[in-house]
Amino acid sequence: DSPVILKILQNWTPRVSHYFDKEHYTYVGHQIVIQESIEYFGAVVWPGALALSQYLESNQEQFNLRDKKVLEIGAGTGLVSIVACMLGAYVTATDLPEVLENLSYNISRNTQNMNMHKPEVRKLVWGEGLSEDFPLSTHHYDFLLATDVVYHHAALDPLLATMEYFCKPGTVLLWANKFRFTTDYEFLERLCNIFKTTILAEFPESNVKLLKA
């Protein structure tokens, strides 16, 4: 099937500011307030996160997250994990140690006092300590979520190894990414060689592709 052509909706109000502060989004009928930071790439909301959040909200029949176990790798500010949580999932949001404080803050402030499964925030360095920190005997996920994890960095091999590790029979990987460099397309080709991969949607204005594997 051909991918759906979509536009990222203006679900937030941008502000003119010389530094990143709080951005307000609306998904699943809730206002979500995200604290950003310019100190780390992972502490900024990138277009892939907006695309996947929008798609999950609009396609709940196709991807029903209620009571499903969801792992987000490279969760960043936590927007996608928060949306998945609001859609009823058991969410584990992971990222590098230096990002976890801001990630935990955003997830806690947006999910407290709500009738939903309590999300978990954990450290995950791609390709490192996976079998020790996430043993497959006790950690099986229905969905693996990733947004804008592929860009010009040196950790693409560990990232692919991490995706392979967590994607066991029955697991669906949903990956949304803004395609900028030839290395992005090379990674996509490598992914297609390992997984049965489908492009679900494209957002041409922002060069984002959303893939299911």
N, C-alpha and C. Protein backbone atom coordinates (compact mmCIF):
# COMPACT_ATOMS: atom_id res chain seq x y z
N ASP A 1 0.84 -1.20 0.00
CA ASP A 1 0.00 0.00 0.00
C ASP A 1 0.87 1.24 0.00
N SER A 2 0.39 2.28 -0.68
CA SER A 2 1.13 3.53 -0.71
C SER A 2 1.01 4.24 0.64
N PRO A 3 2.07 4.93 1.09
CA PRO A 3 1.99 5.65 2.35
C PRO A 3 0.99 6.79 2.26
N VAL A 4 0.37 7.12 3.37
CA VAL A 4 -0.54 8.25 3.45
C VAL A 4 0.30 9.53 3.46
N ILE A 5 -0.14 10.54 2.73
CA ILE A 5 0.55 11.83 2.74
C ILE A 5 -0.17 12.74 3.73
N LEU A 6 0.56 13.19 4.74
CA LEU A 6 -0.05 13.97 5.81
C LEU A 6 0.73 15.25 6.05
N LYS A 7 0.13 16.12 6.82
CA LYS A 7 0.76 17.37 7.25
C LYS A 7 0.75 17.39 8.77
N ILE A 8 1.87 17.79 9.36
CA ILE A 8 1.90 17.89 10.82
C ILE A 8 1.02 19.06 11.23
N LEU A 9 0.01 18.77 12.04
CA LEU A 9 -0.95 19.79 12.45
C LEU A 9 -0.34 20.72 13.48
N GLN A 10 -0.83 21.95 13.48
CA GLN A 10 -0.33 22.93 14.45
C GLN A 10 -1.03 22.70 15.79
N ASN A 11 -0.57 21.68 16.50
CA ASN A 11 -1.17 21.33 17.79
C ASN A 11 -0.51 22.08 18.94
N TRP A 12 0.28 23.07 18.61
CA TRP A 12 0.93 23.82 19.67
C TRP A 12 1.04 25.28 19.23
N THR A 13 1.34 26.16 20.18
CA THR A 13 1.49 27.57 19.90
C THR A 13 2.95 27.95 20.04
N PRO A 14 3.67 28.15 18.93
CA PRO A 14 5.08 28.55 19.05
C PRO A 14 5.20 29.93 19.69
N ARG A 15 6.30 30.13 20.39
CA ARG A 15 6.54 31.42 21.01
C ARG A 15 7.88 31.96 20.52
N VAL A 16 7.97 33.27 20.41
CA VAL A 16 9.24 33.90 20.06
C VAL A 16 10.06 34.02 21.35
N SER A 17 11.20 33.34 21.38
CA SER A 17 12.01 33.34 22.59
C SER A 17 13.46 33.06 22.21
N HIS A 18 14.38 33.63 22.95
CA HIS A 18 15.80 33.40 22.69
C HIS A 18 16.29 32.11 23.35
N TYR A 19 15.46 31.47 24.12
CA TYR A 19 15.82 30.20 24.74
C TYR A 19 14.59 29.32 24.74
N PHE A 20 14.83 28.02 24.87
CA PHE A 20 13.71 27.09 24.89
C PHE A 20 13.07 27.09 26.28
N ASP A 21 11.78 27.18 26.33
CA ASP A 21 11.09 27.17 27.62
C ASP A 21 10.05 26.07 27.57
N LYS A 22 8.81 26.41 27.80
CA LYS A 22 7.74 25.41 27.79
C LYS A 22 6.91 25.58 26.52
N GLU A 23 6.56 24.45 25.92
CA GLU A 23 5.67 24.46 24.77
C GLU A 23 4.40 23.71 25.15
N HIS A 24 3.27 24.17 24.64
CA HIS A 24 1.97 23.59 24.98
C HIS A 24 1.42 22.87 23.76
N TYR A 25 1.08 21.60 23.95
CA TYR A 25 0.53 20.76 22.88
C TYR A 25 -0.83 20.24 23.33
N THR A 26 -1.64 19.80 22.38
CA THR A 26 -2.91 19.16 22.70
C THR A 26 -3.02 17.86 21.93
N TYR A 27 -3.04 16.75 22.67
CA TYR A 27 -3.26 15.43 22.08
C TYR A 27 -4.20 14.65 22.99
N VAL A 28 -5.01 13.80 22.40
CA VAL A 28 -5.93 12.90 23.12
C VAL A 28 -6.78 13.69 24.11
N GLY A 29 -7.13 14.93 23.73
CA GLY A 29 -8.01 15.74 24.57
C GLY A 29 -7.35 16.34 25.79
N HIS A 30 -6.02 16.25 25.88
CA HIS A 30 -5.31 16.79 27.04
C HIS A 30 -4.28 17.81 26.58
N GLN A 31 -4.13 18.85 27.38
CA GLN A 31 -3.03 19.78 27.13
C GLN A 31 -1.76 19.20 27.73
N ILE A 32 -0.70 19.18 26.95
CA ILE A 32 0.58 18.64 27.38
C ILE A 32 1.59 19.78 27.38
N VAL A 33 2.22 19.99 28.52
CA VAL A 33 3.21 21.06 28.65
C VAL A 33 4.60 20.42 28.68
N ILE A 34 5.45 20.80 27.73
CA ILE A 34 6.78 20.21 27.59
C ILE A 34 7.85 21.24 27.90
N GLN A 35 8.71 20.89 28.84
CA GLN A 35 9.89 21.70 29.14
C GLN A 35 11.02 21.27 28.22
N GLU A 36 11.56 22.23 27.46
CA GLU A 36 12.66 21.94 26.56
C GLU A 36 13.96 22.54 27.09
N SER A 37 15.05 22.13 26.48
CA SER A 37 16.36 22.66 26.84
C SER A 37 17.24 22.64 25.61
N ILE A 38 18.10 23.65 25.45
CA ILE A 38 19.01 23.69 24.30
C ILE A 38 20.32 23.00 24.62
N GLU A 39 20.46 22.45 25.82
CA GLU A 39 21.73 21.84 26.21
C GLU A 39 21.96 20.50 25.54
N TYR A 40 20.88 19.77 25.22
CA TYR A 40 21.02 18.44 24.64
C TYR A 40 20.07 18.30 23.47
N PHE A 41 20.52 17.56 22.42
CA PHE A 41 19.63 17.27 21.30
C PHE A 41 18.35 16.59 21.79
N GLY A 42 18.51 15.72 22.80
CA GLY A 42 17.37 14.94 23.26
C GLY A 42 16.35 15.71 24.06
N ALA A 43 16.64 16.98 24.37
CA ALA A 43 15.72 17.75 25.21
C ALA A 43 14.91 18.75 24.40
N VAL A 44 14.79 18.49 23.11
CA VAL A 44 14.02 19.35 22.21
C VAL A 44 12.99 18.48 21.49
N VAL A 45 11.80 19.02 21.26
CA VAL A 45 10.77 18.29 20.50
C VAL A 45 11.08 18.43 19.01
N TRP A 46 11.39 17.31 18.37
CA TRP A 46 11.71 17.29 16.94
C TRP A 46 10.47 16.90 16.14
N PRO A 47 10.45 17.14 14.83
CA PRO A 47 9.23 16.91 14.05
C PRO A 47 8.75 15.46 14.03
N GLY A 48 9.69 14.50 14.13
CA GLY A 48 9.26 13.10 14.16
C GLY A 48 8.36 12.79 15.33
N ALA A 49 8.61 13.43 16.48
CA ALA A 49 7.78 13.21 17.66
C ALA A 49 6.38 13.75 17.44
N LEU A 50 6.28 14.90 16.80
CA LEU A 50 4.97 15.47 16.49
C LEU A 50 4.21 14.56 15.51
N ALA A 51 4.93 14.06 14.51
CA ALA A 51 4.30 13.21 13.50
C ALA A 51 3.77 11.92 14.12
N LEU A 52 4.58 11.25 14.95
CA LEU A 52 4.14 9.99 15.54
C LEU A 52 3.03 10.21 16.56
N SER A 53 3.12 11.28 17.35
CA SER A 53 2.05 11.57 18.31
C SER A 53 0.73 11.78 17.59
N GLN A 54 0.77 12.55 16.52
CA GLN A 54 -0.43 12.81 15.72
C GLN A 54 -0.98 11.51 15.12
N TYR A 55 -0.09 10.67 14.61
CA TYR A 55 -0.53 9.43 13.96
C TYR A 55 -1.14 8.46 14.96
N LEU A 56 -0.52 8.33 16.13
CA LEU A 56 -1.04 7.42 17.15
C LEU A 56 -2.43 7.86 17.61
N GLU A 57 -2.61 9.17 17.75
CA GLU A 57 -3.92 9.68 18.17
C GLU A 57 -4.97 9.42 17.10
N SER A 58 -4.60 9.55 15.83
CA SER A 58 -5.57 9.46 14.73
C SER A 58 -5.83 8.04 14.26
N ASN A 59 -4.99 7.09 14.68
CA ASN A 59 -5.11 5.72 14.18
C ASN A 59 -5.18 4.71 15.33
N GLN A 60 -6.04 5.01 16.30
CA GLN A 60 -6.13 4.16 17.49
C GLN A 60 -6.71 2.78 17.18
N GLU A 61 -7.51 2.66 16.12
CA GLU A 61 -8.04 1.35 15.77
C GLU A 61 -6.94 0.48 15.16
N GLN A 62 -6.10 1.08 14.35
CA GLN A 62 -5.01 0.33 13.71
C GLN A 62 -3.93 -0.03 14.72
N PHE A 63 -3.60 0.90 15.61
CA PHE A 63 -2.58 0.67 16.63
C PHE A 63 -3.19 0.98 17.99
N ASN A 64 -3.83 -0.04 18.54
CA ASN A 64 -4.49 0.10 19.83
C ASN A 64 -3.46 -0.11 20.95
N LEU A 65 -3.12 0.95 21.64
CA LEU A 65 -2.09 0.87 22.68
C LEU A 65 -2.65 0.53 24.06
N ARG A 66 -3.96 0.46 24.19
CA ARG A 66 -4.53 0.24 25.52
C ARG A 66 -4.05 -1.08 26.10
N ASP A 67 -3.46 -0.95 27.31
CA ASP A 67 -2.93 -2.09 28.08
C ASP A 67 -1.78 -2.81 27.38
N LYS A 68 -1.20 -2.18 26.36
CA LYS A 68 -0.04 -2.76 25.69
C LYS A 68 1.25 -2.26 26.35
N LYS A 69 2.30 -3.07 26.25
CA LYS A 69 3.59 -2.67 26.79
C LYS A 69 4.38 -1.95 25.70
N VAL A 70 4.75 -0.72 26.00
CA VAL A 70 5.39 0.15 25.01
C VAL A 70 6.74 0.62 25.55
N LEU A 71 7.76 0.51 24.71
CA LEU A 71 9.09 1.01 25.04
C LEU A 71 9.45 2.09 24.03
N GLU A 72 9.81 3.28 24.53
CA GLU A 72 10.32 4.31 23.64
C GLU A 72 11.82 4.44 23.85
N ILE A 73 12.56 4.37 22.76
CA ILE A 73 14.01 4.56 22.84
C ILE A 73 14.34 5.95 22.32
N GLY A 74 15.26 6.63 23.02
CA GLY A 74 15.55 8.02 22.66
C GLY A 74 14.34 8.90 22.88
N ALA A 75 13.73 8.79 24.06
CA ALA A 75 12.44 9.45 24.33
C ALA A 75 12.54 10.97 24.39
N GLY A 76 13.73 11.50 24.62
CA GLY A 76 13.91 12.95 24.58
C GLY A 76 13.10 13.70 25.62
N THR A 77 12.21 14.56 25.16
CA THR A 77 11.37 15.34 26.07
C THR A 77 10.21 14.52 26.64
N GLY A 78 9.93 13.36 26.03
CA GLY A 78 8.87 12.51 26.54
C GLY A 78 7.51 12.69 25.90
N LEU A 79 7.40 13.54 24.88
CA LEU A 79 6.08 13.82 24.29
C LEU A 79 5.40 12.55 23.80
N VAL A 80 6.11 11.72 23.03
CA VAL A 80 5.49 10.52 22.47
C VAL A 80 5.11 9.55 23.58
N SER A 81 5.97 9.40 24.58
CA SER A 81 5.65 8.52 25.71
C SER A 81 4.43 9.00 26.47
N ILE A 82 4.29 10.32 26.61
CA ILE A 82 3.13 10.89 27.30
C ILE A 82 1.85 10.59 26.51
N VAL A 83 1.91 10.78 25.18
CA VAL A 83 0.74 10.49 24.34
C VAL A 83 0.39 9.00 24.41
N ALA A 84 1.40 8.12 24.35
CA ALA A 84 1.15 6.68 24.44
C ALA A 84 0.52 6.32 25.78
N CYS A 85 1.00 6.97 26.83
CA CYS A 85 0.43 6.74 28.16
C CYS A 85 -1.03 7.17 28.21
N MET A 86 -1.33 8.32 27.61
CA MET A 86 -2.71 8.81 27.58
C MET A 86 -3.61 7.92 26.73
N LEU A 87 -3.01 7.16 25.82
CA LEU A 87 -3.77 6.21 25.01
C LEU A 87 -3.90 4.86 25.71
N GLY A 88 -3.42 4.77 26.95
CA GLY A 88 -3.69 3.59 27.77
C GLY A 88 -2.57 2.58 27.86
N ALA A 89 -1.37 2.91 27.36
CA ALA A 89 -0.27 1.94 27.34
C ALA A 89 0.49 1.90 28.66
N TYR A 90 1.14 0.76 28.91
CA TYR A 90 2.16 0.67 29.94
C TYR A 90 3.47 1.14 29.29
N VAL A 91 3.94 2.31 29.65
CA VAL A 91 5.04 2.94 28.93
C VAL A 91 6.34 2.91 29.74
N THR A 92 7.42 2.53 29.06
CA THR A 92 8.77 2.71 29.58
C THR A 92 9.49 3.66 28.64
N ALA A 93 9.85 4.83 29.16
CA ALA A 93 10.55 5.84 28.36
C ALA A 93 12.03 5.79 28.70
N THR A 94 12.88 5.71 27.69
CA THR A 94 14.31 5.57 27.93
C THR A 94 15.12 6.60 27.16
N ASP A 95 16.27 6.94 27.72
CA ASP A 95 17.19 7.83 27.03
C ASP A 95 18.52 7.82 27.78
N LEU A 96 19.44 8.67 27.35
CA LEU A 96 20.75 8.78 27.96
C LEU A 96 20.64 9.40 29.36
N PRO A 97 21.60 9.12 30.23
CA PRO A 97 21.52 9.62 31.62
C PRO A 97 21.33 11.13 31.72
N GLU A 98 22.01 11.90 30.86
CA GLU A 98 21.94 13.36 30.98
C GLU A 98 20.58 13.93 30.60
N VAL A 99 19.75 13.13 29.94
CA VAL A 99 18.43 13.60 29.50
C VAL A 99 17.33 13.22 30.49
N LEU A 100 17.62 12.28 31.39
CA LEU A 100 16.57 11.66 32.20
C LEU A 100 15.87 12.63 33.15
N GLU A 101 16.60 13.60 33.68
CA GLU A 101 15.96 14.51 34.63
C GLU A 101 14.84 15.31 33.98
N ASN A 102 15.13 15.88 32.81
CA ASN A 102 14.10 16.64 32.10
C ASN A 102 12.99 15.72 31.60
N LEU A 103 13.36 14.53 31.13
CA LEU A 103 12.38 13.54 30.66
C LEU A 103 11.43 13.15 31.80
N SER A 104 12.00 12.85 32.96
CA SER A 104 11.18 12.45 34.12
C SER A 104 10.25 13.58 34.54
N TYR A 105 10.77 14.80 34.51
CA TYR A 105 9.97 15.96 34.89
C TYR A 105 8.75 16.11 33.99
N ASN A 106 8.98 16.04 32.67
CA ASN A 106 7.87 16.21 31.73
C ASN A 106 6.84 15.10 31.86
N ILE A 107 7.30 13.86 31.98
CA ILE A 107 6.37 12.74 32.08
C ILE A 107 5.57 12.82 33.38
N SER A 108 6.25 13.14 34.47
CA SER A 108 5.57 13.21 35.76
C SER A 108 4.52 14.30 35.79
N ARG A 109 4.86 15.50 35.33
CA ARG A 109 3.93 16.62 35.42
C ARG A 109 2.72 16.44 34.50
N ASN A 110 2.88 15.68 33.40
CA ASN A 110 1.78 15.53 32.46
C ASN A 110 0.94 14.27 32.68
N THR A 111 1.38 13.37 33.55
CA THR A 111 0.61 12.14 33.77
C THR A 111 0.14 11.98 35.20
N GLN A 112 0.59 12.84 36.10
CA GLN A 112 0.13 12.72 37.48
C GLN A 112 -1.35 13.11 37.57
N ASN A 113 -2.02 12.53 38.54
CA ASN A 113 -3.45 12.80 38.78
C ASN A 113 -4.32 12.39 37.60
N MET A 114 -3.82 11.49 36.76
CA MET A 114 -4.64 10.98 35.67
C MET A 114 -4.87 9.50 35.86
N ASN A 115 -6.01 9.03 35.40
CA ASN A 115 -6.36 7.62 35.54
C ASN A 115 -5.72 6.84 34.40
N MET A 116 -4.42 6.52 34.57
CA MET A 116 -3.69 5.81 33.53
C MET A 116 -2.57 5.01 34.18
N HIS A 117 -1.98 4.11 33.40
CA HIS A 117 -0.88 3.32 33.93
C HIS A 117 0.31 4.24 34.22
N LYS A 118 0.94 4.02 35.36
CA LYS A 118 2.08 4.86 35.75
C LYS A 118 3.27 4.57 34.84
N PRO A 119 3.76 5.58 34.10
CA PRO A 119 4.90 5.36 33.21
C PRO A 119 6.20 5.22 33.98
N GLU A 120 7.16 4.57 33.34
CA GLU A 120 8.48 4.35 33.93
C GLU A 120 9.52 5.05 33.08
N VAL A 121 10.52 5.65 33.72
CA VAL A 121 11.62 6.30 33.03
C VAL A 121 12.91 5.57 33.40
N ARG A 122 13.67 5.15 32.38
CA ARG A 122 14.88 4.38 32.63
C ARG A 122 16.02 4.80 31.70
N LYS A 123 17.22 4.61 32.16
CA LYS A 123 18.40 4.84 31.33
C LYS A 123 18.54 3.71 30.32
N LEU A 124 18.85 4.07 29.09
CA LEU A 124 19.18 3.09 28.07
C LEU A 124 20.19 3.72 27.13
N VAL A 125 21.40 3.19 27.14
CA VAL A 125 22.43 3.59 26.18
C VAL A 125 22.42 2.54 25.07
N TRP A 126 22.17 2.97 23.84
CA TRP A 126 21.99 2.02 22.75
C TRP A 126 23.16 1.05 22.68
N GLY A 127 22.81 -0.24 22.63
CA GLY A 127 23.81 -1.28 22.45
C GLY A 127 24.59 -1.67 23.69
N GLU A 128 24.30 -1.03 24.83
CA GLU A 128 25.08 -1.29 26.04
C GLU A 128 24.20 -1.90 27.13
N GLY A 129 24.66 -3.01 27.68
CA GLY A 129 24.01 -3.62 28.84
C GLY A 129 22.57 -4.02 28.64
N LEU A 130 22.19 -4.34 27.41
CA LEU A 130 20.78 -4.62 27.13
C LEU A 130 20.30 -5.87 27.86
N SER A 131 21.06 -6.95 27.77
CA SER A 131 20.63 -8.21 28.38
C SER A 131 20.66 -8.14 29.90
N GLU A 132 21.52 -7.26 30.46
CA GLU A 132 21.56 -7.11 31.91
C GLU A 132 20.43 -6.21 32.41
N ASP A 133 20.21 -5.08 31.73
CA ASP A 133 19.21 -4.12 32.20
C ASP A 133 17.80 -4.44 31.73
N PHE A 134 17.69 -5.11 30.58
CA PHE A 134 16.38 -5.45 30.02
C PHE A 134 16.38 -6.91 29.57
N PRO A 135 16.50 -7.86 30.51
CA PRO A 135 16.54 -9.28 30.11
C PRO A 135 15.26 -9.68 29.39
N LEU A 136 15.43 -10.41 28.30
CA LEU A 136 14.28 -10.78 27.47
C LEU A 136 13.32 -11.72 28.19
N SER A 137 13.80 -12.40 29.22
CA SER A 137 12.92 -13.31 29.95
C SER A 137 11.80 -12.55 30.66
N THR A 138 12.05 -11.28 30.98
CA THR A 138 11.05 -10.49 31.72
C THR A 138 10.64 -9.21 31.00
N HIS A 139 11.31 -8.88 29.91
CA HIS A 139 11.02 -7.62 29.22
C HIS A 139 10.64 -7.90 27.77
N HIS A 140 9.34 -7.98 27.53
CA HIS A 140 8.84 -8.13 26.17
C HIS A 140 7.86 -6.99 25.90
N TYR A 141 8.04 -6.33 24.76
CA TYR A 141 7.23 -5.16 24.46
C TYR A 141 6.38 -5.39 23.21
N ASP A 142 5.14 -4.89 23.27
CA ASP A 142 4.25 -4.98 22.11
C ASP A 142 4.64 -3.96 21.05
N PHE A 143 5.09 -2.79 21.50
CA PHE A 143 5.46 -1.72 20.59
C PHE A 143 6.80 -1.13 21.00
N LEU A 144 7.63 -0.86 20.01
CA LEU A 144 8.87 -0.13 20.20
C LEU A 144 8.72 1.17 19.41
N LEU A 145 8.84 2.30 20.09
CA LEU A 145 8.65 3.60 19.46
C LEU A 145 9.97 4.34 19.39
N ALA A 146 10.20 5.03 18.27
CA ALA A 146 11.43 5.80 18.10
C ALA A 146 11.14 6.98 17.17
N THR A 147 11.59 8.17 17.56
CA THR A 147 11.41 9.35 16.70
C THR A 147 12.71 10.14 16.61
N ASP A 148 13.07 10.48 15.38
CA ASP A 148 14.26 11.28 15.10
C ASP A 148 15.50 10.77 15.85
N VAL A 149 15.63 9.45 15.89
CA VAL A 149 16.82 8.84 16.50
C VAL A 149 17.96 8.71 15.50
N VAL A 150 17.66 8.89 14.21
CA VAL A 150 18.68 8.78 13.17
C VAL A 150 18.98 10.17 12.63
N TYR A 151 20.20 10.59 12.85
CA TYR A 151 20.70 11.85 12.29
C TYR A 151 22.20 11.67 12.17
N HIS A 152 22.95 12.74 12.06
CA HIS A 152 24.39 12.60 11.80
C HIS A 152 25.14 12.33 13.10
N HIS A 153 25.12 11.06 13.53
CA HIS A 153 25.84 10.69 14.75
C HIS A 153 26.51 9.34 14.53
N ALA A 154 27.35 8.97 15.50
CA ALA A 154 28.18 7.77 15.34
C ALA A 154 27.58 6.52 15.96
N ALA A 155 26.35 6.62 16.46
CA ALA A 155 25.77 5.50 17.20
C ALA A 155 24.74 4.72 16.40
N LEU A 156 24.83 4.76 15.07
CA LEU A 156 23.82 4.09 14.26
C LEU A 156 23.90 2.57 14.36
N ASP A 157 25.12 2.03 14.46
CA ASP A 157 25.25 0.57 14.63
C ASP A 157 24.64 0.11 15.95
N PRO A 158 24.98 0.76 17.08
CA PRO A 158 24.34 0.38 18.34
C PRO A 158 22.83 0.58 18.33
N LEU A 159 22.36 1.61 17.62
CA LEU A 159 20.91 1.84 17.53
C LEU A 159 20.23 0.68 16.83
N LEU A 160 20.79 0.25 15.70
CA LEU A 160 20.19 -0.87 14.97
C LEU A 160 20.24 -2.15 15.80
N ALA A 161 21.35 -2.36 16.52
CA ALA A 161 21.46 -3.53 17.39
C ALA A 161 20.41 -3.48 18.50
N THR A 162 20.11 -2.29 19.00
CA THR A 162 19.10 -2.13 20.04
C THR A 162 17.71 -2.43 19.50
N MET A 163 17.41 -1.95 18.32
CA MET A 163 16.13 -2.24 17.69
C MET A 163 15.97 -3.75 17.47
N GLU A 164 17.04 -4.39 17.00
CA GLU A 164 17.01 -5.84 16.80
C GLU A 164 16.77 -6.57 18.12
N TYR A 165 17.41 -6.12 19.17
CA TYR A 165 17.32 -6.78 20.47
C TYR A 165 15.87 -6.77 20.98
N PHE A 166 15.23 -5.62 20.90
CA PHE A 166 13.89 -5.50 21.48
C PHE A 166 12.78 -5.99 20.55
N CYS A 167 13.03 -6.06 19.26
CA CYS A 167 11.98 -6.49 18.32
C CYS A 167 11.97 -8.01 18.21
N LYS A 168 11.16 -8.61 19.02
CA LYS A 168 10.96 -10.05 19.00
C LYS A 168 9.62 -10.36 18.35
N PRO A 169 9.32 -11.64 18.06
CA PRO A 169 8.03 -11.96 17.43
C PRO A 169 6.86 -11.32 18.18
N GLY A 170 6.03 -10.58 17.45
CA GLY A 170 4.89 -9.91 18.05
C GLY A 170 5.13 -8.45 18.35
N THR A 171 6.38 -7.99 18.25
CA THR A 171 6.69 -6.59 18.51
C THR A 171 6.57 -5.77 17.23
N VAL A 172 5.96 -4.60 17.33
CA VAL A 172 5.85 -3.67 16.21
C VAL A 172 6.72 -2.46 16.50
N LEU A 173 7.62 -2.14 15.57
CA LEU A 173 8.44 -0.95 15.66
C LEU A 173 7.78 0.16 14.85
N LEU A 174 7.54 1.30 15.50
CA LEU A 174 7.06 2.50 14.80
C LEU A 174 8.15 3.55 14.91
N TRP A 175 8.69 3.95 13.75
CA TRP A 175 9.82 4.87 13.72
C TRP A 175 9.48 6.04 12.81
N ALA A 176 9.49 7.24 13.38
CA ALA A 176 9.26 8.47 12.61
C ALA A 176 10.55 9.27 12.60
N ASN A 177 10.95 9.75 11.42
CA ASN A 177 12.24 10.43 11.33
C ASN A 177 12.22 11.49 10.24
N LYS A 178 12.84 12.62 10.54
CA LYS A 178 13.07 13.63 9.51
C LYS A 178 14.32 13.21 8.75
N PHE A 179 14.17 13.00 7.44
CA PHE A 179 15.29 12.53 6.63
C PHE A 179 16.06 13.73 6.10
N ARG A 180 17.34 13.80 6.54
CA ARG A 180 18.18 14.95 6.22
C ARG A 180 19.41 14.56 5.40
N PHE A 181 20.02 13.41 5.73
CA PHE A 181 21.33 13.06 5.20
C PHE A 181 21.27 11.71 4.47
N THR A 182 22.28 11.45 3.66
CA THR A 182 22.35 10.16 2.99
C THR A 182 22.46 9.02 4.01
N THR A 183 23.09 9.30 5.15
CA THR A 183 23.20 8.26 6.19
C THR A 183 21.84 7.84 6.71
N ASP A 184 20.87 8.76 6.68
CA ASP A 184 19.51 8.41 7.12
C ASP A 184 18.92 7.35 6.20
N TYR A 185 19.09 7.53 4.90
CA TYR A 185 18.56 6.58 3.92
C TYR A 185 19.33 5.27 3.96
N GLU A 186 20.62 5.36 4.24
CA GLU A 186 21.42 4.13 4.37
C GLU A 186 20.95 3.32 5.58
N PHE A 187 20.61 4.00 6.67
CA PHE A 187 20.09 3.30 7.84
C PHE A 187 18.75 2.65 7.51
N LEU A 188 17.90 3.37 6.79
CA LEU A 188 16.61 2.81 6.38
C LEU A 188 16.80 1.54 5.55
N GLU A 189 17.77 1.57 4.65
CA GLU A 189 18.04 0.40 3.83
C GLU A 189 18.48 -0.79 4.69
N ARG A 190 19.31 -0.52 5.68
CA ARG A 190 19.76 -1.58 6.58
C ARG A 190 18.59 -2.13 7.39
N LEU A 191 17.71 -1.24 7.82
CA LEU A 191 16.52 -1.66 8.57
C LEU A 191 15.65 -2.57 7.72
N CYS A 192 15.47 -2.20 6.45
CA CYS A 192 14.63 -2.98 5.53
C CYS A 192 15.22 -4.36 5.26
N ASN A 193 16.54 -4.49 5.39
CA ASN A 193 17.19 -5.78 5.18
C ASN A 193 16.96 -6.73 6.36
N ILE A 194 16.59 -6.18 7.50
CA ILE A 194 16.41 -6.98 8.72
C ILE A 194 14.94 -7.23 9.01
N PHE A 195 14.13 -6.19 8.85
CA PHE A 195 12.71 -6.25 9.20
C PHE A 195 11.84 -6.13 7.96
N LYS A 196 10.64 -6.65 8.07
CA LYS A 196 9.61 -6.37 7.09
C LYS A 196 9.12 -4.95 7.36
N THR A 197 9.42 -4.03 6.46
CA THR A 197 9.21 -2.60 6.73
C THR A 197 8.22 -2.00 5.75
N THR A 198 7.33 -1.17 6.29
CA THR A 198 6.32 -0.47 5.49
C THR A 198 6.36 1.01 5.84
N ILE A 199 6.29 1.87 4.83
CA ILE A 199 6.14 3.30 5.09
C ILE A 199 4.65 3.58 5.26
N LEU A 200 4.27 3.94 6.48
CA LEU A 200 2.85 4.19 6.78
C LEU A 200 2.41 5.56 6.30
N ALA A 201 3.26 6.55 6.50
CA ALA A 201 2.86 7.93 6.18
C ALA A 201 4.09 8.76 5.88
N GLU A 202 3.88 9.80 5.07
CA GLU A 202 4.93 10.78 4.80
C GLU A 202 4.38 12.17 5.06
N PHE A 203 5.24 13.01 5.59
CA PHE A 203 4.91 14.40 5.88
C PHE A 203 5.88 15.26 5.06
N PRO A 204 5.56 15.51 3.78
CA PRO A 204 6.53 16.12 2.87
C PRO A 204 7.02 17.49 3.31
N GLU A 205 6.16 18.29 3.94
CA GLU A 205 6.57 19.63 4.33
C GLU A 205 7.73 19.62 5.32
N SER A 206 7.80 18.56 6.11
CA SER A 206 8.86 18.48 7.12
C SER A 206 9.84 17.35 6.84
N ASN A 207 9.69 16.70 5.67
CA ASN A 207 10.59 15.59 5.28
C ASN A 207 10.57 14.44 6.28
N VAL A 208 9.44 14.19 6.91
CA VAL A 208 9.32 13.11 7.89
C VAL A 208 8.66 11.90 7.23
N LYS A 209 9.24 10.75 7.50
CA LYS A 209 8.63 9.49 7.09
C LYS A 209 8.29 8.71 8.37
N LEU A 210 7.14 8.05 8.37
CA LEU A 210 6.73 7.20 9.48
C LEU A 210 6.69 5.76 8.98
N LEU A 211 7.48 4.91 9.64
CA LEU A 211 7.63 3.53 9.20
C LEU A 211 7.18 2.54 10.27
N LYS A 212 6.64 1.42 9.78
CA LYS A 212 6.30 0.32 10.64
C LYS A 212 7.20 -0.86 10.27
N ALA A 213 7.77 -1.50 11.28
CA ALA A 213 8.63 -2.66 11.02
C ALA A 213 8.28 -3.77 11.99
